[in-house]
């Protein structure tokens, strides 16, 4: 490998290390207590090196959100291909699996985005993030429409009803996971999440005759 390619590879690896470390610290300490200095110290680089990759802590946040949504969109695209091949529950499994597999991270990302919106930060980037989500929504809606047409989903309703039901179930589950009123009631949270995920996967699915 020539030196130029090696430098590019090292740059990308360091950037990913910054993102991974930032996410770890945010989950552990919360966004109010994490600083660029802490991220730099844990990655074992100088604070100035982080600014070679990101102009601000907010830019790190937006990158984490983008990476998450890009991966979800890619996973949904593959799941839709799988559904066309006969694995009809693949899109639901992917959507619910991704959105509910880590409720702590999901709640963190909600807070980060809400904070940026409230502060008027990264408006253009947040607009791009919405566009990315809309693209994934359109793909899912086309898949729902096809399943409705085939009679595999029991309700002949606008396809977006299913997407909104998916959204409501995942967000409600994340909120419930963190709600103090239910902490003593739900003894086994992973098992409960698995139960909700199974409900989501079978939502609206027509039983074989």
Foldseek 3Di string as FASTA:
>chain_A
DDPVVVVVVVLVVLLVLLLVQVLVCCLVPNPVPDDLCVSCVVSVHDSVSVCVPPVGVLRSLLVNLVVLLVVLLVQLVVQLVVCVVPPVLSNLLSLLCSLLVDLSSNVRNVVSVVVCVVVVHPPVSVVVSVVSVVVSLVSQQVSQVVCVVVCQFPDPDRSVVLVVVSVCLSVVLSCLVPDPVCPVVDPDSVVVSVVSSVCRSCHRGDDDD
